[in-house]
């Protein structure tokens, strides 16, 4: 396996809305020489209304410390945000991160020591090319798994899960991975181990698929209580939707 996309995970980003009131995941994509932050639409929007005034974006590697990470702060009342009306995807143009030629209203608040990279558009794959049962890696920030005083893992560092391509829905323009996602993982990049042993980004995590259990009162059968559990399957938005959005 070509591990280049696993050795440096700084393209994966933690998104903090209004200084921690909510969070999500995303990644940096290099498209026609410009860096874009890609995430799920519902991370940033309730319908068409922005969910925050300030967005903090940070990236680091699993072995790094917080002081190494690169951090950006965005004034969301001024930054133009692209979002799809039909797919769960949003994008923000950053300019060029490598030489700090950032677009207005995007501020570098911590330079860190790590070189933040972007996934080149040539290191991606569209939904028509992905293969059923191929291995996938999900790289995100499931902040909902953090419990009080936990020292098991740092919520600011990317956490990986491994699964397979479980299904493809060309009509709905989505695919399913046999991989659990949790709150905070929305917008996380999904990498496929392709037939040529290369890793390519194929889309982002959108939502988990619930497994529903319904409890009934044995004396009052009309009284029920549904319980929603994580089935272990997740719906993902493919790169097709991302390219269609930023090509506009």
C-alpha atoms as a PDB file:
ATOM      1  CA  UNK A   1       0.000   0.000   0.000  1.00  0.00           C
ATOM      2  CA  UNK A   2       1.160   3.514  -0.803  1.00  0.00           C
ATOM      3  CA  UNK A   3       0.997   5.103   2.656  1.00  0.00           C
ATOM      4  CA  UNK A   4       1.693   8.696   1.587  1.00  0.00           C
ATOM      5  CA  UNK A   5      -1.861   9.824   2.433  1.00  0.00           C
ATOM      6  CA  UNK A   6      -1.622   8.134   5.844  1.00  0.00           C
ATOM      7  CA  UNK A   7       1.854   9.341   6.809  1.00  0.00           C
ATOM      8  CA  UNK A   8       0.826  13.017   6.735  1.00  0.00           C
ATOM      9  CA  UNK A   9      -2.780  13.636   7.804  1.00  0.00           C
ATOM     10  CA  UNK A  10      -2.611  17.423   7.981  1.00  0.00           C
ATOM     11  CA  UNK A  11      -5.105  17.689   5.118  1.00  0.00           C
ATOM     12  CA  UNK A  12      -7.745  16.410   7.565  1.00  0.00           C
ATOM     13  CA  UNK A  13      -9.214  19.282   9.591  1.00  0.00           C
ATOM     14  CA  UNK A  14     -11.077  19.799  12.833  1.00  0.00           C
ATOM     15  CA  UNK A  15     -13.786  22.461  12.522  1.00  0.00           C
ATOM     16  CA  UNK A  16     -14.822  24.284  15.692  1.00  0.00           C
ATOM     17  CA  UNK A  17     -17.925  26.479  15.448  1.00  0.00           C
ATOM     18  CA  UNK A  18     -18.063  29.548  17.706  1.00  0.00           C
ATOM     19  CA  UNK A  19     -15.179  28.300  19.846  1.00  0.00           C
ATOM     20  CA  UNK A  20     -16.473  24.826  20.567  1.00  0.00           C
ATOM     21  CA  UNK A  21     -20.254  25.165  20.607  1.00  0.00           C
ATOM     22  CA  UNK A  22     -20.297  22.570  17.827  1.00  0.00           C
ATOM     23  CA  UNK A  23     -17.725  20.752  15.722  1.00  0.00           C
ATOM     24  CA  UNK A  24     -17.205  18.761  12.566  1.00  0.00           C
ATOM     25  CA  UNK A  25     -14.539  17.413  10.233  1.00  0.00           C
ATOM     26  CA  UNK A  26     -13.272  18.365   6.819  1.00  0.00           C
ATOM     27  CA  UNK A  27     -10.243  18.314   4.557  1.00  0.00           C
ATOM     28  CA  UNK A  28      -8.186  20.559   2.306  1.00  0.00           C
ATOM     29  CA  UNK A  29      -8.431  19.947  -1.448  1.00  0.00           C
ATOM     30  CA  UNK A  30      -6.141  21.442  -4.091  1.00  0.00           C
ATOM     31  CA  UNK A  31      -8.239  22.275  -7.161  1.00  0.00           C
ATOM     32  CA  UNK A  32      -6.782  24.174 -10.118  1.00  0.00           C
ATOM     33  CA  UNK A  33      -4.001  25.534  -7.920  1.00  0.00           C
ATOM     34  CA  UNK A  34      -6.342  26.817  -5.195  1.00  0.00           C
ATOM     35  CA  UNK A  35      -6.905  25.344  -1.717  1.00  0.00           C
ATOM     36  CA  UNK A  36     -10.488  24.611  -0.669  1.00  0.00           C
ATOM     37  CA  UNK A  37     -11.821  23.539   2.706  1.00  0.00           C
ATOM     38  CA  UNK A  38     -14.357  20.758   2.088  1.00  0.00           C
ATOM     39  CA  UNK A  39     -16.934  19.616   4.651  1.00  0.00           C
ATOM     40  CA  UNK A  40     -20.532  18.468   4.960  1.00  0.00           C
ATOM     41  CA  UNK A  41     -23.135  21.175   4.442  1.00  0.00           C
ATOM     42  CA  UNK A  42     -24.968  20.361   7.667  1.00  0.00           C
ATOM     43  CA  UNK A  43     -21.801  21.052   9.673  1.00  0.00           C
ATOM     44  CA  UNK A  44     -21.991  24.748   8.707  1.00  0.00           C
ATOM     45  CA  UNK A  45     -25.683  25.250   7.900  1.00  0.00           C
ATOM     46  CA  UNK A  46     -29.156  24.689   9.260  1.00  0.00           C
ATOM     47  CA  UNK A  47     -30.936  24.539   5.932  1.00  0.00           C
ATOM     48  CA  UNK A  48     -29.496  27.731   4.358  1.00  0.00           C
ATOM     49  CA  UNK A  49     -28.689  29.564   7.614  1.00  0.00           C
ATOM     50  CA  UNK A  50     -25.101  29.613   8.882  1.00  0.00           C
ATOM     51  CA  UNK A  51     -24.662  27.948  12.255  1.00  0.00           C
ATOM     52  CA  UNK A  52     -21.777  30.108  13.459  1.00  0.00           C
ATOM     53  CA  UNK A  53     -20.158  33.523  13.252  1.00  0.00           C
ATOM     54  CA  UNK A  54     -16.605  32.257  13.782  1.00  0.00           C
ATOM     55  CA  UNK A  55     -15.054  29.070  12.434  1.00  0.00           C
ATOM     56  CA  UNK A  56     -11.720  27.757  13.722  1.00  0.00           C
ATOM     57  CA  UNK A  57      -9.943  25.262  11.451  1.00  0.00           C
ATOM     58  CA  UNK A  58      -6.982  23.229  12.722  1.00  0.00           C
ATOM     59  CA  UNK A  59      -4.922  20.327  11.421  1.00  0.00           C
ATOM     60  CA  UNK A  60      -2.231  18.123  12.901  1.00  0.00           C
ATOM     61  CA  UNK A  61      -0.804  14.609  12.825  1.00  0.00           C
ATOM     62  CA  UNK A  62      -1.510  11.861  15.386  1.00  0.00           C
ATOM     63  CA  UNK A  63       2.045  12.052  16.773  1.00  0.00           C
ATOM     64  CA  UNK A  64       2.199  15.845  16.949  1.00  0.00           C
ATOM     65  CA  UNK A  65       1.287  18.115  19.868  1.00  0.00           C
ATOM     66  CA  UNK A  66      -1.235  20.939  19.843  1.00  0.00           C
ATOM     67  CA  UNK A  67       1.492  23.573  19.531  1.00  0.00           C
ATOM     68  CA  UNK A  68       2.560  21.986  16.214  1.00  0.00           C
ATOM     69  CA  UNK A  69      -0.825  22.403  14.568  1.00  0.00           C
ATOM     70  CA  UNK A  70      -1.713  25.073  12.042  1.00  0.00           C
ATOM     71  CA  UNK A  71      -4.870  26.999  12.951  1.00  0.00           C
ATOM     72  CA  UNK A  72      -7.040  29.376  10.965  1.00  0.00           C
ATOM     73  CA  UNK A  73      -9.898  31.587  12.085  1.00  0.00           C
ATOM     74  CA  UNK A  74     -12.664  32.599   9.681  1.00  0.00           C
ATOM     75  CA  UNK A  75     -15.185  35.398  10.012  1.00  0.00           C
ATOM     76  CA  UNK A  76     -18.186  33.492   8.686  1.00  0.00           C
ATOM     77  CA  UNK A  77     -20.243  36.667   8.361  1.00  0.00           C
ATOM     78  CA  UNK A  78     -17.830  37.778   5.629  1.00  0.00           C
ATOM     79  CA  UNK A  79     -16.375  34.616   4.082  1.00  0.00           C
ATOM     80  CA  UNK A  80     -18.175  33.375   0.936  1.00  0.00           C
ATOM     81  CA  UNK A  81     -19.278  29.774   1.462  1.00  0.00           C
ATOM     82  CA  UNK A  82     -20.292  27.503  -1.391  1.00  0.00           C
ATOM     83  CA  UNK A  83     -22.930  24.901  -0.589  1.00  0.00           C
ATOM     84  CA  UNK A  84     -24.997  22.484  -2.591  1.00  0.00           C
ATOM     85  CA  UNK A  85     -28.790  22.666  -2.642  1.00  0.00           C
ATOM     86  CA  UNK A  86     -29.078  18.943  -3.362  1.00  0.00           C
ATOM     87  CA  UNK A  87     -26.044  17.306  -1.724  1.00  0.00           C
ATOM     88  CA  UNK A  88     -24.588  17.438   1.779  1.00  0.00           C
ATOM     89  CA  UNK A  89     -21.409  19.282   0.839  1.00  0.00           C
ATOM     90  CA  UNK A  90     -19.958  22.767   1.383  1.00  0.00           C
ATOM     91  CA  UNK A  91     -16.677  24.432   0.395  1.00  0.00           C
ATOM     92  CA  UNK A  92     -14.672  27.533   1.299  1.00  0.00           C
ATOM     93  CA  UNK A  93     -11.864  28.911  -0.859  1.00  0.00           C
ATOM     94  CA  UNK A  94      -8.730  29.536   1.230  1.00  0.00           C
ATOM     95  CA  UNK A  95      -6.502  30.927  -1.515  1.00  0.00           C
ATOM     96  CA  UNK A  96      -3.044  29.311  -1.367  1.00  0.00           C
ATOM     97  CA  UNK A  97      -2.079  27.977   2.062  1.00  0.00           C
ATOM     98  CA  UNK A  98       1.489  27.029   1.146  1.00  0.00           C
ATOM     99  CA  UNK A  99       2.703  30.621   0.781  1.00  0.00           C
ATOM    100  CA  UNK A 100       0.153  32.097   3.232  1.00  0.00           C
ATOM    101  CA  UNK A 101      -1.612  33.900   0.387  1.00  0.00           C
ATOM    102  CA  UNK A 102      -4.959  33.543   2.136  1.00  0.00           C
ATOM    103  CA  UNK A 103      -8.247  34.991   1.024  1.00  0.00           C
ATOM    104  CA  UNK A 104      -9.595  37.956   2.985  1.00  0.00           C
ATOM    105  CA  UNK A 105     -11.361  37.276   6.297  1.00  0.00           C
ATOM    106  CA  UNK A 106      -9.257  34.117   6.790  1.00  0.00           C
ATOM    107  CA  UNK A 107      -6.570  34.619   9.430  1.00  0.00           C
ATOM    108  CA  UNK A 108      -3.677  32.342  10.367  1.00  0.00           C
ATOM    109  CA  UNK A 109      -3.814  32.407  14.181  1.00  0.00           C
ATOM    110  CA  UNK A 110      -1.216  29.686  14.827  1.00  0.00           C
ATOM    111  CA  UNK A 111       1.558  28.905  12.351  1.00  0.00           C
ATOM    112  CA  UNK A 112       2.683  25.735  14.123  1.00  0.00           C
ATOM    113  CA  UNK A 113       5.568  23.606  12.895  1.00  0.00           C
ATOM    114  CA  UNK A 114       3.683  21.256  10.577  1.00  0.00           C
ATOM    115  CA  UNK A 115       3.355  21.752   6.842  1.00  0.00           C
ATOM    116  CA  UNK A 116      -0.346  21.525   6.126  1.00  0.00           C
ATOM    117  CA  UNK A 117      -0.957  19.769   2.825  1.00  0.00           C
ATOM    118  CA  UNK A 118      -3.969  19.628   0.528  1.00  0.00           C
ATOM    119  CA  UNK A 119      -5.198  16.570  -1.361  1.00  0.00           C
ATOM    120  CA  UNK A 120      -4.470  17.093  -5.028  1.00  0.00           C
ATOM    121  CA  UNK A 121      -7.456  16.624  -7.310  1.00  0.00           C
ATOM    122  CA  UNK A 122      -5.479  13.911  -9.131  1.00  0.00           C
ATOM    123  CA  UNK A 123      -5.409  11.869  -5.894  1.00  0.00           C
ATOM    124  CA  UNK A 124      -9.180  11.467  -5.887  1.00  0.00           C
ATOM    125  CA  UNK A 125     -11.694   9.085  -7.428  1.00  0.00           C
ATOM    126  CA  UNK A 126     -15.266   9.573  -8.617  1.00  0.00           C
ATOM    127  CA  UNK A 127     -18.219   7.409  -7.691  1.00  0.00           C
ATOM    128  CA  UNK A 128     -18.227   5.624 -11.069  1.00  0.00           C
ATOM    129  CA  UNK A 129     -14.724   4.314 -10.352  1.00  0.00           C
ATOM    130  CA  UNK A 130     -14.970   3.104  -6.751  1.00  0.00           C
ATOM    131  CA  UNK A 131     -15.110  -0.639  -6.179  1.00  0.00           C
ATOM    132  CA  UNK A 132     -17.535  -2.627  -4.069  1.00  0.00           C
ATOM    133  CA  UNK A 133     -15.784  -4.279  -1.064  1.00  0.00           C
ATOM    134  CA  UNK A 134     -12.597  -2.234  -1.505  1.00  0.00           C
ATOM    135  CA  UNK A 135     -11.036  -1.175   1.798  1.00  0.00           C
ATOM    136  CA  UNK A 136     -11.615   2.383   3.003  1.00  0.00           C
ATOM    137  CA  UNK A 137     -10.204   4.626   5.721  1.00  0.00           C
ATOM    138  CA  UNK A 138     -12.211   7.350   7.464  1.00  0.00           C
ATOM    139  CA  UNK A 139     -10.136  10.206   8.928  1.00  0.00           C
ATOM    140  CA  UNK A 140     -12.134  12.451  11.228  1.00  0.00           C
ATOM    141  CA  UNK A 141     -12.605  14.064  14.611  1.00  0.00           C
ATOM    142  CA  UNK A 142     -15.416  12.247  16.498  1.00  0.00           C
ATOM    143  CA  UNK A 143     -15.547  14.730  19.362  1.00  0.00           C
ATOM    144  CA  UNK A 144     -18.747  13.151  20.707  1.00  0.00           C
ATOM    145  CA  UNK A 145     -16.680  10.164  21.892  1.00  0.00           C
ATOM    146  CA  UNK A 146     -14.791  12.322  24.379  1.00  0.00           C
ATOM    147  CA  UNK A 147     -15.831  11.839  27.983  1.00  0.00           C
ATOM    148  CA  UNK A 148     -14.873  13.922  31.016  1.00  0.00           C
ATOM    149  CA  UNK A 149     -11.193  13.840  32.000  1.00  0.00           C
ATOM    150  CA  UNK A 150     -10.435  11.342  29.225  1.00  0.00           C
ATOM    151  CA  UNK A 151      -6.751  10.902  28.421  1.00  0.00           C
ATOM    152  CA  UNK A 152      -7.190   8.109  25.891  1.00  0.00           C
ATOM    153  CA  UNK A 153      -7.014  10.345  22.843  1.00  0.00           C
ATOM    154  CA  UNK A 154      -6.823  14.023  21.984  1.00  0.00           C
ATOM    155  CA  UNK A 155      -9.973  15.428  20.303  1.00  0.00           C
ATOM    156  CA  UNK A 156      -7.767  17.781  18.287  1.00  0.00           C
ATOM    157  CA  UNK A 157      -5.992  14.919  16.530  1.00  0.00           C
ATOM    158  CA  UNK A 158      -7.403  12.881  13.644  1.00  0.00           C
ATOM    159  CA  UNK A 159      -8.791   9.461  14.496  1.00  0.00           C
ATOM    160  CA  UNK A 160      -8.978   6.689  11.895  1.00  0.00           C
ATOM    161  CA  UNK A 161     -11.502   3.940  11.241  1.00  0.00           C
ATOM    162  CA  UNK A 162     -11.282   1.181   8.663  1.00  0.00           C
ATOM    163  CA  UNK A 163     -14.064  -0.467   6.667  1.00  0.00           C
ATOM    164  CA  UNK A 164     -15.121  -1.377   3.132  1.00  0.00           C
ATOM    165  CA  UNK A 165     -17.287   0.051   0.351  1.00  0.00           C
ATOM    166  CA  UNK A 166     -20.612  -1.483   1.322  1.00  0.00           C
ATOM    167  CA  UNK A 167     -22.845  -0.092  -1.391  1.00  0.00           C
ATOM    168  CA  UNK A 168     -23.151   2.430  -4.209  1.00  0.00           C
ATOM    169  CA  UNK A 169     -26.259   4.397  -5.180  1.00  0.00           C
ATOM    170  CA  UNK A 170     -25.653   6.172  -8.482  1.00  0.00           C
ATOM    171  CA  UNK A 171     -29.197   7.574  -8.649  1.00  0.00           C
ATOM    172  CA  UNK A 172     -28.896   9.155  -5.207  1.00  0.00           C
ATOM    173  CA  UNK A 173     -25.233  10.048  -5.834  1.00  0.00           C
ATOM    174  CA  UNK A 174     -24.093   8.500  -2.549  1.00  0.00           C
ATOM    175  CA  UNK A 175     -22.149   5.473  -1.386  1.00  0.00           C
ATOM    176  CA  UNK A 176     -22.199   3.476   1.852  1.00  0.00           C
ATOM    177  CA  UNK A 177     -19.220   2.374   3.912  1.00  0.00           C
ATOM    178  CA  UNK A 178     -19.162  -0.451   6.449  1.00  0.00           C
ATOM    179  CA  UNK A 179     -17.669   1.914   8.997  1.00  0.00           C
ATOM    180  CA  UNK A 180     -19.192   3.606  12.045  1.00  0.00           C
ATOM    181  CA  UNK A 181     -19.350   7.389  12.210  1.00  0.00           C
ATOM    182  CA  UNK A 182     -20.257   9.546  15.184  1.00  0.00           C
ATOM    183  CA  UNK A 183     -21.089  13.192  15.813  1.00  0.00           C
ATOM    184  CA  UNK A 184     -18.004  15.176  14.865  1.00  0.00           C
ATOM    185  CA  UNK A 185     -17.136  12.865  11.950  1.00  0.00           C
ATOM    186  CA  UNK A 186     -19.434  14.677   9.521  1.00  0.00           C
ATOM    187  CA  UNK A 187     -17.389  16.025   6.618  1.00  0.00           C
ATOM    188  CA  UNK A 188     -14.461  13.677   7.239  1.00  0.00           C
ATOM    189  CA  UNK A 189     -12.554  12.469   4.146  1.00  0.00           C
ATOM    190  CA  UNK A 190     -12.948   8.851   3.041  1.00  0.00           C
ATOM    191  CA  UNK A 191      -9.939   7.162   1.408  1.00  0.00           C
ATOM    192  CA  UNK A 192     -10.225   4.073  -0.806  1.00  0.00           C
ATOM    193  CA  UNK A 193      -7.467   1.516  -1.273  1.00  0.00           C
ATOM    194  CA  UNK A 194      -7.764   1.110  -5.026  1.00  0.00           C
ATOM    195  CA  UNK A 195      -6.964  -1.852  -7.267  1.00  0.00           C
ATOM    196  CA  UNK A 196      -3.518  -0.430  -8.084  1.00  0.00           C
ATOM    197  CA  UNK A 197      -2.685  -0.349  -4.333  1.00  0.00           C
ATOM    198  CA  UNK A 198      -2.952   3.459  -4.268  1.00  0.00           C
ATOM    199  CA  UNK A 199      -4.975   5.425  -1.718  1.00  0.00           C
ATOM    200  CA  UNK A 200      -7.363   8.021  -3.134  1.00  0.00           C
ATOM    201  CA  UNK A 201      -9.948  10.305  -1.546  1.00  0.00           C
ATOM    202  CA  UNK A 202     -13.416   9.367  -2.765  1.00  0.00           C
ATOM    203  CA  UNK A 203     -15.723  11.612  -0.741  1.00  0.00           C
ATOM    204  CA  UNK A 204     -16.812  12.732   2.726  1.00  0.00           C
ATOM    205  CA  UNK A 205     -18.886  11.216   5.527  1.00  0.00           C
ATOM    206  CA  UNK A 206     -22.411  12.601   5.673  1.00  0.00           C
ATOM    207  CA  UNK A 207     -24.379  10.648   8.297  1.00  0.00           C
ATOM    208  CA  UNK A 208     -24.610   7.321  10.049  1.00  0.00           C
ATOM    209  CA  UNK A 209     -27.405   4.854   9.314  1.00  0.00           C
ATOM    210  CA  UNK A 210     -29.413   4.114  12.474  1.00  0.00           C
ATOM    211  CA  UNK A 211     -30.694   0.766  13.660  1.00  0.00           C
ATOM    212  CA  UNK A 212     -34.041   1.312  15.405  1.00  0.00           C
ATOM    213  CA  UNK A 213     -35.282  -0.682  18.389  1.00  0.00           C
ATOM    214  CA  UNK A 214     -38.823  -0.025  19.583  1.00  0.00           C
ATOM    215  CA  UNK A 215     -39.681  -0.727  23.222  1.00  0.00           C
ATOM    216  CA  UNK A 216     -43.325  -1.374  24.177  1.00  0.00           C
ATOM    217  CA  UNK A 217     -45.001  -1.201  27.555  1.00  0.00           C
ATOM    218  CA  UNK A 218     -46.238  -4.723  28.266  1.00  0.00           C
ATOM    219  CA  UNK A 219     -49.329  -3.339  30.000  1.00  0.00           C
ATOM    220  CA  UNK A 220     -50.027  -0.418  27.697  1.00  0.00           C
ATOM    221  CA  UNK A 221     -49.031  -1.691  24.264  1.00  0.00           C
ATOM    222  CA  UNK A 222     -49.863   1.666  22.699  1.00  0.00           C
ATOM    223  CA  UNK A 223     -46.985   3.204  24.689  1.00  0.00           C
ATOM    224  CA  UNK A 224     -43.754   2.810  22.745  1.00  0.00           C
ATOM    225  CA  UNK A 225     -40.245   4.224  22.902  1.00  0.00           C
ATOM    226  CA  UNK A 226     -37.919   4.107  19.873  1.00  0.00           C
ATOM    227  CA  UNK A 227     -34.169   3.820  20.482  1.00  0.00           C
ATOM    228  CA  UNK A 228     -31.762   4.705  17.701  1.00  0.00           C
ATOM    229  CA  UNK A 229     -28.493   2.803  17.629  1.00  0.00           C
ATOM    230  CA  UNK A 230     -25.523   3.102  15.294  1.00  0.00           C
ATOM    231  CA  UNK A 231     -25.781   0.333  12.687  1.00  0.00           C
ATOM    232  CA  UNK A 232     -22.105   0.600  11.746  1.00  0.00           C
ATOM    233  CA  UNK A 233     -22.967   1.777   8.211  1.00  0.00           C
ATOM    234  CA  UNK A 234     -22.514   5.375   7.023  1.00  0.00           C
ATOM    235  CA  UNK A 235     -23.722   7.367   4.026  1.00  0.00           C
ATOM    236  CA  UNK A 236     -21.056   9.324   2.143  1.00  0.00           C
ATOM    237  CA  UNK A 237     -21.086  12.035  -0.521  1.00  0.00           C
ATOM    238  CA  UNK A 238     -18.726  11.335  -3.471  1.00  0.00           C
ATOM    239  CA  UNK A 239     -16.119  13.598  -5.007  1.00  0.00           C
ATOM    240  CA  UNK A 240     -18.462  14.169  -7.984  1.00  0.00           C
ATOM    241  CA  UNK A 241     -20.616  16.477  -5.852  1.00  0.00           C
ATOM    242  CA  UNK A 242     -17.562  18.308  -4.528  1.00  0.00           C
ATOM    243  CA  UNK A 243     -16.088  18.947  -7.967  1.00  0.00           C
ATOM    244  CA  UNK A 244     -19.471  20.036  -9.304  1.00  0.00           C
ATOM    245  CA  UNK A 245     -19.785  22.556  -6.461  1.00  0.00           C
ATOM    246  CA  UNK A 246     -16.337  24.171  -6.671  1.00  0.00           C
ATOM    247  CA  UNK A 247     -16.267  24.135 -10.475  1.00  0.00           C
ATOM    248  CA  UNK A 248     -19.060  26.694 -10.413  1.00  0.00           C
END
